[in-house]
C-alpha atoms as a PDB file:
ATOM      1  CA  MET A   1      26.312 -36.363  11.962  1.00  0.00           C
ATOM      2  CA  THR A   2      27.506 -33.398  14.088  1.00  0.00           C
ATOM      3  CA  ARG A   3      24.702 -32.314  16.956  1.00  0.00           C
ATOM      4  CA  LEU A   4      25.000 -28.829  18.481  1.00  0.00           C
ATOM      5  CA  ARG A   5      24.849 -28.496  22.041  1.00  0.00           C
ATOM      6  CA  ARG A   6      22.164 -26.767  23.837  1.00  0.00           C
ATOM      7  CA  GLY A   7      22.946 -23.083  22.704  1.00  0.00           C
ATOM      8  CA  GLY A   8      24.714 -23.767  19.975  1.00  0.00           C
ATOM      9  CA  ALA A   9      22.344 -21.386  17.281  1.00  0.00           C
ATOM     10  CA  SER A  10      23.161 -18.642  19.405  1.00  0.00           C
ATOM     11  CA  ALA A  11      26.860 -19.066  19.547  1.00  0.00           C
ATOM     12  CA  LEU A  12      27.111 -18.903  16.114  1.00  0.00           C
ATOM     13  CA  ALA A  13      25.528 -15.699  16.286  1.00  0.00           C
ATOM     14  CA  PRO A  14      28.158 -13.653  16.471  1.00  0.00           C
ATOM     15  CA  LEU A  15      30.317 -15.773  14.057  1.00  0.00           C
ATOM     16  CA  LEU A  16      27.775 -15.703  11.133  1.00  0.00           C
ATOM     17  CA  ALA A  17      27.839 -12.046  11.476  1.00  0.00           C
ATOM     18  CA  LEU A  18      30.929 -11.872  11.076  1.00  0.00           C
ATOM     19  CA  LEU A  19      31.189 -13.555   7.928  1.00  0.00           C
ATOM     20  CA  THR A  20      28.141 -11.335   7.202  1.00  0.00           C
ATOM     21  CA  ALA A  21      30.391  -8.463   7.613  1.00  0.00           C
ATOM     22  CA  SER A  22      33.779 -10.179   5.623  1.00  0.00           C
ATOM     23  CA  ASP A  23      31.392 -11.107   2.497  1.00  0.00           C
ATOM     24  CA  ALA A  24      30.958  -7.102   2.697  1.00  0.00           C
ATOM     25  CA  ALA A  25      33.986  -6.284   2.829  1.00  0.00           C
ATOM     26  CA  GLY A  26      35.274  -4.905  -0.568  1.00  0.00           C
ATOM     27  CA  GLN A  27      31.368  -4.415  -1.397  1.00  0.00           C
ATOM     28  CA  THR A  28      30.603  -1.049  -2.592  1.00  0.00           C
ATOM     29  CA  LEU A  29      26.919  -0.285  -1.463  1.00  0.00           C
ATOM     30  CA  ALA A  30      25.303  -0.783  -4.822  1.00  0.00           C
ATOM     31  CA  GLU A  31      26.651  -4.703  -5.306  1.00  0.00           C
ATOM     32  CA  ARG A  32      25.742  -5.113  -2.066  1.00  0.00           C
ATOM     33  CA  VAL A  33      21.887  -4.589  -2.708  1.00  0.00           C
ATOM     34  CA  ARG A  34      22.590  -5.925  -6.836  1.00  0.00           C
ATOM     35  CA  ALA A  35      23.593  -8.941  -4.855  1.00  0.00           C
ATOM     36  CA  VAL A  36      19.806  -9.495  -2.913  1.00  0.00           C
ATOM     37  CA  GLY A  37      18.967 -10.555  -6.808  1.00  0.00           C
ATOM     38  CA  THR A  38      14.804  -9.619  -5.746  1.00  0.00           C
ATOM     39  CA  GLY A  39      13.715  -8.384  -2.231  1.00  0.00           C
ATOM     40  CA  THR A  40      13.877  -5.953   0.006  1.00  0.00           C
ATOM     41  CA  VAL A  41      16.918  -3.893   1.544  1.00  0.00           C
ATOM     42  CA  ARG A  42      17.432  -1.634   4.383  1.00  0.00           C
ATOM     43  CA  MET A  43      20.393   0.664   5.110  1.00  0.00           C
ATOM     44  CA  SER A  44      20.477   3.461   7.612  1.00  0.00           C
ATOM     45  CA  TYR A  45      23.345   5.941   7.895  1.00  0.00           C
ATOM     46  CA  VAL A  46      23.989   9.706  10.343  1.00  0.00           C
ATOM     47  CA  THR A  47      21.964  12.385   8.936  1.00  0.00           C
ATOM     48  CA  ARG A  48      22.847  16.646   9.368  1.00  0.00           C
ATOM     49  CA  ARG A  49      22.492  17.521  12.484  1.00  0.00           C
ATOM     50  CA  ASP A  50      20.076  20.347  11.742  1.00  0.00           C
ATOM     51  CA  VAL A  51      17.484  17.330  10.352  1.00  0.00           C
ATOM     52  CA  ARG A  52      14.961  15.586  12.608  1.00  0.00           C
ATOM     53  CA  GLY A  53      12.157  13.269  12.040  1.00  0.00           C
ATOM     54  CA  ASP A  54       9.160  11.470  13.555  1.00  0.00           C
ATOM     55  CA  GLY A  55       9.327   8.740  10.719  1.00  0.00           C
ATOM     56  CA  ARG A  56       6.213  10.481   8.632  1.00  0.00           C
ATOM     57  CA  CYS A  57       8.192  14.358   7.903  1.00  0.00           C
ATOM     58  CA  VAL A  58      11.083  15.090   7.982  1.00  0.00           C
ATOM     59  CA  PHE A  59      12.060  18.605   9.425  1.00  0.00           C
ATOM     60  CA  PHE A  60      15.108  21.565   9.804  1.00  0.00           C
ATOM     61  CA  ASP A  61      15.867  23.247  12.380  1.00  0.00           C
ATOM     62  CA  SER A  62      15.394  26.563  11.672  1.00  0.00           C
ATOM     63  CA  GLY A  63      18.409  29.319  11.692  1.00  0.00           C
ATOM     64  CA  THR A  64      20.602  26.822  10.333  1.00  0.00           C
ATOM     65  CA  ARG A  65      22.545  27.343   6.731  1.00  0.00           C
ATOM     66  CA  PRO A  66      22.207  26.145   4.195  1.00  0.00           C
ATOM     67  CA  LEU A  67      19.958  23.269   3.577  1.00  0.00           C
ATOM     68  CA  ALA A  68      16.866  25.040   6.655  1.00  0.00           C
ATOM     69  CA  ALA A  69      16.616  28.765   5.926  1.00  0.00           C
ATOM     70  CA  GLY A  70      13.446  29.345   5.622  1.00  0.00           C
ATOM     71  CA  ILE A  71      11.593  25.962   5.676  1.00  0.00           C
ATOM     72  CA  ALA A  72       8.586  25.598   7.003  1.00  0.00           C
ATOM     73  CA  VAL A  73       8.521  23.175   9.787  1.00  0.00           C
ATOM     74  CA  GLY A  74       6.524  19.680   8.229  1.00  0.00           C
ATOM     75  CA  SER A  75       7.423  21.104   4.824  1.00  0.00           C
ATOM     76  CA  GLY A  76       9.958  18.291   4.110  1.00  0.00           C
ATOM     77  CA  CYS A  77       7.207  15.710   4.970  1.00  0.00           C
ATOM     78  CA  CYS A  78       8.168  13.000   2.697  1.00  0.00           C
ATOM     79  CA  CYS A  79       6.288   9.546   3.710  1.00  0.00           C
ATOM     80  CA  SER A  80       3.693   7.883   5.808  1.00  0.00           C
ATOM     81  CA  PRO A  81       3.998   5.221   7.943  1.00  0.00           C
ATOM     82  CA  GLY A  82       4.940   1.866   6.270  1.00  0.00           C
ATOM     83  CA  ASP A  83       6.845  -0.910   4.831  1.00  0.00           C
ATOM     84  CA  GLY A  84       6.990  -2.513   8.730  1.00  0.00           C
ATOM     85  CA  TRP A  85       7.642   1.151  10.183  1.00  0.00           C
ATOM     86  CA  SER A  86       6.270   2.491  13.307  1.00  0.00           C
ATOM     87  CA  PRO A  87       7.063   6.612  13.828  1.00  0.00           C
ATOM     88  CA  SER A  88       8.688   8.135  16.680  1.00  0.00           C
ATOM     89  CA  PHE A  89      10.624  10.815  17.056  1.00  0.00           C
ATOM     90  CA  CYS A  90      13.169   7.924  19.020  1.00  0.00           C
ATOM     91  CA  ASP A  91      17.274   8.147  16.884  1.00  0.00           C
ATOM     92  CA  SER A  92      16.392  10.906  14.599  1.00  0.00           C
ATOM     93  CA  ALA A  93      19.720  11.717  14.024  1.00  0.00           C
ATOM     94  CA  VAL A  94      19.571   8.412  11.860  1.00  0.00           C
ATOM     95  CA  ALA A  95      18.092   8.028   8.143  1.00  0.00           C
ATOM     96  CA  ARG A  96      16.270   4.597   7.301  1.00  0.00           C
ATOM     97  CA  VAL A  97      15.642   3.143   3.558  1.00  0.00           C
ATOM     98  CA  ALA A  98      14.487   0.645   1.822  1.00  0.00           C
ATOM     99  CA  LEU A  99      14.812  -0.070  -0.993  1.00  0.00           C
ATOM    100  CA  SER A 100      12.842  -2.849  -3.550  1.00  0.00           C
ATOM    101  CA  VAL A 101      15.015  -4.735  -5.569  1.00  0.00           C
ATOM    102  CA  ALA A 102      13.773  -6.692  -8.113  1.00  0.00           C
ATOM    103  CA  ALA A 103      16.146  -9.179 -10.518  1.00  0.00           C
ATOM    104  CA  GLY A 104      19.427  -6.496  -8.952  1.00  0.00           C
ATOM    105  CA  ARG A 105      17.768  -3.429  -9.825  1.00  0.00           C
ATOM    106  CA  VAL A 106      16.544  -0.914  -8.034  1.00  0.00           C
ATOM    107  CA  ASP A 107      12.693   0.170  -8.634  1.00  0.00           C
ATOM    108  CA  ARG A 108      11.205   1.456  -5.682  1.00  0.00           C
ATOM    109  CA  VAL A 109      13.253   4.327  -2.512  1.00  0.00           C
ATOM    110  CA  ARG A 110      10.801   4.539   0.892  1.00  0.00           C
ATOM    111  CA  ALA A 111      13.475   7.510   3.479  1.00  0.00           C
ATOM    112  CA  TYR A 112      12.270   7.765   7.070  1.00  0.00           C
ATOM    113  CA  VAL A 113      13.812   9.680   9.945  1.00  0.00           C
ATOM    114  CA  GLY A 114      12.385   8.719  13.199  1.00  0.00           C
ATOM    115  CA  GLY A 115      10.924   5.922  14.053  1.00  0.00           C
ATOM    116  CA  ARG A 116      12.118   2.174  13.781  1.00  0.00           C
ATOM    117  CA  TRP A 117      11.698  -0.716  11.945  1.00  0.00           C
ATOM    118  CA  THR A 118       8.763  -3.139  13.274  1.00  0.00           C
ATOM    119  CA  ASP A 119       9.105  -6.529  11.413  1.00  0.00           C
ATOM    120  CA  SER A 120      12.826  -8.355   9.963  1.00  0.00           C
ATOM    121  CA  ALA A 121      11.463  -8.574   6.231  1.00  0.00           C
ATOM    122  CA  GLY A 122      14.504  -8.437   3.963  1.00  0.00           C
ATOM    123  CA  LEU A 123      18.010  -7.761   4.448  1.00  0.00           C
ATOM    124  CA  ASP A 124      19.419  -5.500   6.527  1.00  0.00           C
ATOM    125  CA  ILE A 125      22.604  -4.505   6.067  1.00  0.00           C
ATOM    126  CA  GLY A 126      22.655  -1.578   9.016  1.00  0.00           C
ATOM    127  CA  ARG A 127      24.383   1.539   9.438  1.00  0.00           C
ATOM    128  CA  VAL A 128      26.734   2.256   6.172  1.00  0.00           C
ATOM    129  CA  ALA A 129      28.876   5.630   5.396  1.00  0.00           C
ATOM    130  CA  ALA A 130      26.562   8.922   5.208  1.00  0.00           C
ATOM    131  CA  ALA A 131      29.112  10.140   2.115  1.00  0.00           C
ATOM    132  CA  GLU A 132      28.876   6.510   0.017  1.00  0.00           C
ATOM    133  CA  ALA A 133      24.718   6.106   0.977  1.00  0.00           C
ATOM    134  CA  ALA A 134      24.416   9.982  -0.690  1.00  0.00           C
ATOM    135  CA  ALA A 135      25.966   9.045  -3.864  1.00  0.00           C
ATOM    136  CA  PHE A 136      23.683   5.722  -4.283  1.00  0.00           C
ATOM    137  CA  LEU A 137      20.758   7.214  -3.580  1.00  0.00           C
ATOM    138  CA  MET A 138      22.073  10.290  -6.484  1.00  0.00           C
ATOM    139  CA  GLY A 139      22.734   7.361  -8.690  1.00  0.00           C
ATOM    140  CA  LEU A 140      19.133   6.199  -7.990  1.00  0.00           C
ATOM    141  CA  ALA A 141      17.341   9.250  -8.551  1.00  0.00           C
ATOM    142  CA  GLY A 142      17.208   9.589 -12.027  1.00  0.00           C
ATOM    143  CA  GLN A 143      16.393   6.012 -12.381  1.00  0.00           C
ATOM    144  CA  VAL A 144      13.869   4.092  -9.902  1.00  0.00           C
ATOM    145  CA  ALA A 145       9.864   4.298 -11.022  1.00  0.00           C
ATOM    146  CA  GLU A 146       8.832   4.889  -8.062  1.00  0.00           C
ATOM    147  CA  GLY A 147      10.503   7.079  -5.069  1.00  0.00           C
ATOM    148  CA  ALA A 148      13.367   9.223  -6.805  1.00  0.00           C
ATOM    149  CA  GLU A 149      11.920  12.625  -4.991  1.00  0.00           C
ATOM    150  CA  GLN A 150      12.593  10.550  -1.800  1.00  0.00           C
ATOM    151  CA  ALA A 151      16.026   9.178  -2.944  1.00  0.00           C
ATOM    152  CA  ILE A 152      17.270  12.971  -3.776  1.00  0.00           C
ATOM    153  CA  MET A 153      15.816  14.183  -0.163  1.00  0.00           C
ATOM    154  CA  ALA A 154      17.700  11.441   1.706  1.00  0.00           C
ATOM    155  CA  ALA A 155      21.105  11.900  -0.007  1.00  0.00           C
ATOM    156  CA  VAL A 156      20.567  16.096   0.433  1.00  0.00           C
ATOM    157  CA  ILE A 157      20.288  14.698   4.125  1.00  0.00           C
ATOM    158  CA  ALA A 158      23.446  12.309   5.129  1.00  0.00           C
ATOM    159  CA  ASP A 159      25.851  14.000   6.713  1.00  0.00           C
ATOM    160  CA  SER A 160      28.659  15.552   5.222  1.00  0.00           C
ATOM    161  CA  ALA A 161      27.476  14.880   1.785  1.00  0.00           C
ATOM    162  CA  ASP A 162      28.280  17.031  -0.845  1.00  0.00           C
ATOM    163  CA  VAL A 163      25.346  16.502  -3.152  1.00  0.00           C
ATOM    164  CA  TRP A 164      24.425  20.324  -5.206  1.00  0.00           C
ATOM    165  CA  ARG A 165      26.548  19.133  -8.256  1.00  0.00           C
ATOM    166  CA  ASP A 166      25.138  15.724  -8.545  1.00  0.00           C
ATOM    167  CA  LEU A 167      22.425  17.614  -8.315  1.00  0.00           C
ATOM    168  CA  LEU A 168      22.944  19.893 -10.928  1.00  0.00           C
ATOM    169  CA  ARG A 169      23.297  16.978 -13.094  1.00  0.00           C
ATOM    170  CA  LEU A 170      20.235  15.690 -12.724  1.00  0.00           C
ATOM    171  CA  ALA A 171      18.208  19.003 -13.289  1.00  0.00           C
ATOM    172  CA  ARG A 172      20.588  19.461 -16.661  1.00  0.00           C
ATOM    173  CA  ASP A 173      19.690  15.366 -18.080  1.00  0.00           C
ATOM    174  CA  ALA A 174      16.769  15.770 -20.078  1.00  0.00           C
ATOM    175  CA  THR A 175      16.609  12.650 -20.492  1.00  0.00           C
ATOM    176  CA  ARG A 176      15.925  12.052 -16.418  1.00  0.00           C
ATOM    177  CA  PRO A 177      12.227  12.097 -15.527  1.00  0.00           C
ATOM    178  CA  GLY A 178      10.667  15.412 -14.872  1.00  0.00           C
ATOM    179  CA  ARG A 179       9.390  14.819 -11.428  1.00  0.00           C
ATOM    180  CA  ALA A 180      13.072  14.061 -10.457  1.00  0.00           C
ATOM    181  CA  ARG A 181      14.976  16.789 -11.864  1.00  0.00           C
ATOM    182  CA  GLY A 182      11.884  19.436 -10.495  1.00  0.00           C
ATOM    183  CA  SER A 183      12.915  17.499  -7.163  1.00  0.00           C
ATOM    184  CA  ALA A 184      16.566  17.907  -8.132  1.00  0.00           C
ATOM    185  CA  LEU A 185      16.193  21.742  -8.394  1.00  0.00           C
ATOM    186  CA  HIS A 186      13.972  22.347  -5.441  1.00  0.00           C
ATOM    187  CA  TRP A 187      17.145  20.656  -3.291  1.00  0.00           C
ATOM    188  CA  LEU A 188      20.230  22.311  -5.973  1.00  0.00           C
ATOM    189  CA  ALA A 189      18.380  25.767  -3.932  1.00  0.00           C
ATOM    190  CA  ARG A 190      18.498  24.427  -0.572  1.00  0.00           C
ATOM    191  CA  ALA A 191      21.888  22.798  -0.044  1.00  0.00           C
ATOM    192  CA  ALA A 192      23.789  24.882  -2.601  1.00  0.00           C
ATOM    193  CA  GLY A 193      22.491  28.552  -1.895  1.00  0.00           C
ATOM    194  CA  ASP A 194      24.593  31.006  -4.059  1.00  0.00           C
ATOM    195  CA  SER A 195      26.651  28.338  -5.532  1.00  0.00           C
ATOM    196  CA  ALA A 196      23.560  27.029  -7.045  1.00  0.00           C
ATOM    197  CA  ALA A 197      22.572  30.551  -9.191  1.00  0.00           C
ATOM    198  CA  ALA A 198      24.407  30.141 -12.103  1.00  0.00           C
ATOM    199  CA  GLY A 199      23.084  26.575 -12.509  1.00  0.00           C
ATOM    200  CA  LEU A 200      19.895  27.956 -12.444  1.00  0.00           C
ATOM    201  CA  GLY A 201      20.076  30.287 -14.227  1.00  0.00           C
ATOM    202  CA  GLU A 202      21.776  28.313 -17.349  1.00  0.00           C
ATOM    203  CA  ILE A 203      18.579  26.262 -17.051  1.00  0.00           C
ATOM    204  CA  VAL A 204      16.046  28.886 -17.148  1.00  0.00           C
ATOM    205  CA  ALA A 205      18.434  29.963 -20.070  1.00  0.00           C
ATOM    206  CA  SER A 206      18.132  27.226 -21.841  1.00  0.00           C
ATOM    207  CA  GLU A 207      15.818  25.481 -24.796  1.00  0.00           C
ATOM    208  CA  ASP A 208      14.305  22.792 -22.239  1.00  0.00           C
ATOM    209  CA  ASP A 209      10.743  22.495 -21.689  1.00  0.00           C
ATOM    210  CA  ARG A 210       8.574  24.582 -20.249  1.00  0.00           C
ATOM    211  CA  GLU A 211       7.779  23.212 -16.851  1.00  0.00           C
ATOM    212  CA  ILE A 212      11.810  22.416 -15.684  1.00  0.00           C
ATOM    213  CA  ARG A 213      12.054  26.183 -16.940  1.00  0.00           C
ATOM    214  CA  ARG A 214       9.335  27.518 -14.491  1.00  0.00           C
ATOM    215  CA  GLN A 215      10.580  25.283 -11.674  1.00  0.00           C
ATOM    216  CA  ALA A 216      14.061  26.087 -11.705  1.00  0.00           C
ATOM    217  CA  VAL A 217      12.231  30.031 -11.511  1.00  0.00           C
ATOM    218  CA  TYR A 218      10.965  28.630  -7.999  1.00  0.00           C
ATOM    219  CA  ALA A 219      13.884  27.174  -7.623  1.00  0.00           C
ATOM    220  CA  ILE A 220      16.163  30.481  -8.364  1.00  0.00           C
ATOM    221  CA  GLY A 221      13.116  32.137  -5.398  1.00  0.00           C
ATOM    222  CA  LEU A 222      14.371  30.005  -2.478  1.00  0.00           C
ATOM    223  CA  LEU A 223      18.334  31.007  -3.394  1.00  0.00           C
ATOM    224  CA  PRO A 224      19.468  33.634  -0.453  1.00  0.00           C
ATOM    225  CA  ARG A 225      17.519  37.314  -1.621  1.00  0.00           C
ATOM    226  CA  ASP A 226      20.560  39.179  -2.356  1.00  0.00           C
ATOM    227  CA  THR A 227      21.287  36.292  -5.270  1.00  0.00           C
ATOM    228  CA  GLY A 228      17.765  35.432  -6.078  1.00  0.00           C
ATOM    229  CA  VAL A 229      15.727  39.140  -6.489  1.00  0.00           C
ATOM    230  CA  PRO A 230      18.031  40.596  -9.285  1.00  0.00           C
ATOM    231  CA  LEU A 231      17.996  36.896 -11.007  1.00  0.00           C
ATOM    232  CA  LEU A 232      14.461  37.268 -10.906  1.00  0.00           C
ATOM    233  CA  ILE A 233      14.110  40.354 -11.435  1.00  0.00           C
ATOM    234  CA  ASP A 234      15.672  40.175 -14.704  1.00  0.00           C
ATOM    235  CA  LEU A 235      13.457  37.102 -16.027  1.00  0.00           C
ATOM    236  CA  ALA A 236      10.805  39.075 -15.150  1.00  0.00           C
ATOM    237  CA  ARG A 237      11.557  42.493 -17.082  1.00  0.00           C
ATOM    238  CA  SER A 238      13.343  40.302 -20.314  1.00  0.00           C
ATOM    239  CA  HIS A 239      12.728  36.918 -20.435  1.00  0.00           C
ATOM    240  CA  ARG A 240      11.432  35.826 -23.478  1.00  0.00           C
ATOM    241  CA  ASP A 241       9.025  33.359 -23.181  1.00  0.00           C
ATOM    242  CA  PRO A 242       6.059  34.849 -20.862  1.00  0.00           C
ATOM    243  CA  ASP A 243       5.815  31.652 -18.387  1.00  0.00           C
ATOM    244  CA  VAL A 244       8.876  32.482 -17.444  1.00  0.00           C
ATOM    245  CA  ARG A 245       7.801  36.072 -16.657  1.00  0.00           C
ATOM    246  CA  ARG A 246       5.076  35.625 -14.700  1.00  0.00           C
ATOM    247  CA  ALA A 247       7.012  32.480 -12.424  1.00  0.00           C
ATOM    248  CA  ALA A 248       9.268  35.115 -11.985  1.00  0.00           C
ATOM    249  CA  PHE A 249       6.884  37.885 -11.290  1.00  0.00           C
ATOM    250  CA  LEU A 250       5.382  35.356  -8.921  1.00  0.00           C
ATOM    251  CA  ALA A 251       8.583  34.395  -6.849  1.00  0.00           C
ATOM    252  CA  LEU A 252       9.065  37.776  -6.523  1.00  0.00           C
ATOM    253  CA  GLY A 253       6.074  38.447  -4.910  1.00  0.00           C
ATOM    254  CA  ARG A 254       6.704  35.688  -2.319  1.00  0.00           C
ATOM    255  CA  SER A 255       9.377  37.497  -1.217  1.00  0.00           C
ATOM    256  CA  GLY A 256       8.640  40.375  -0.066  1.00  0.00           C
ATOM    257  CA  ASP A 257      12.053  42.034  -0.890  1.00  0.00           C
ATOM    258  CA  PRO A 258      11.620  46.047  -1.436  1.00  0.00           C
ATOM    259  CA  ARG A 259      13.002  45.416  -4.671  1.00  0.00           C
ATOM    260  CA  ALA A 260      10.497  43.275  -5.932  1.00  0.00           C
ATOM    261  CA  LEU A 261       7.969  44.924  -4.755  1.00  0.00           C
ATOM    262  CA  GLN A 262       9.324  48.507  -6.307  1.00  0.00           C
ATOM    263  CA  LEU A 263       9.180  46.321  -9.616  1.00  0.00           C
ATOM    264  CA  ILE A 264       5.493  45.138  -9.269  1.00  0.00           C
ATOM    265  CA  GLU A 265       4.207  48.628  -8.654  1.00  0.00           C
ATOM    266  CA  ALA A 266       5.842  49.696 -11.372  1.00  0.00           C
ATOM    267  CA  THR A 267       4.736  47.111 -13.815  1.00  0.00           C
ATOM    268  CA  LEU A 268       1.177  47.763 -11.895  1.00  0.00           C
ATOM    269  CA  THR A 269       1.300  51.466 -12.784  1.00  0.00           C
ATOM    270  CA  GLY A 270       2.779  51.137 -16.362  1.00  0.00           C
ATOM    271  CA  ARG A 271       6.474  52.769 -15.147  1.00  0.00           C
ATOM    272  CA  ALA A 272       8.670  49.716 -15.650  1.00  0.00           C
ATOM    273  CA  ARG A 273      11.034  49.862 -17.911  1.00  0.00           C
END
C-alpha cells in the first residue's frame, strides 16, 4: 500500500482543485447543480455596481438608473440570517446563493449580498459568471417550491445581466405561481423602465386573473412618471374592471404627479371626463 509522506494530503489539495475545475469545464451551471443529486449547492457571482448588502437586506444606491430609482433603503430586504450565514457589509459587491437540491431538482433558493458563510456544508462551486447565474436563476423562478422571489431578485442584481424579457415572459405565463409572477412584475418595472410599459399594459388588458392585473397596475406605478402616469390615467378613466380602476387611482395618488392630482380632484368633484 502506498503511503503518503508527511504533508502529502495538503500537497494534493491543489491537484484536487484542478481536477474539480476540469470536471466542471464544459458543463452548464444547471448540469453542475443537477449532478449533486441531493444536498446543498452554493455559488457566488458579482452584483451590479449599485447593489450592496449586509447579509440580511439588499440595498440599492439612490440616484442610479434604472433599478435604483425611487427604491427606499431597506425595501430590498430579502432574507434573515441562516443557512450557515453571518451578516456583515464585507464583500457586498458579491451575491452568494444557496440552492437546496433533491433528486437533481432545486426546490429552495436563498440569496445574500454581503456577509459570509460560517460553515462548509454542501458543495461550494465558487464564483460563476454573473450572466450565467442570472439566466439559471430566472429558469428556477417559475419552478421552485420555495424562494421564487429570491431567485428573481438574485437574477436582477447580477452584474451585466439583462433579464427584463425573461421577467416579462414569467409575468405573462398563467401556468406559473402567482407569487413568482407578481415578483416578476415588480422587478420588471424596476429593471426595464420605459421598455416594460407595453408589456405591462398588455397584462392589464388581458383576461388574466384579477390579482395579477392589480399587480401589473402597481408595477406601472413604478415606471418613470412620463411613461407611467399617462398609462395610469387611462386605466383609471376607462378600464372595465373596477378593481383595476381603483388600483390605478391608488398608484396615481402615490405618484404625487400634478396630472394625477388633477384627475383625482376632478373625479371627486364630479368634473372628470
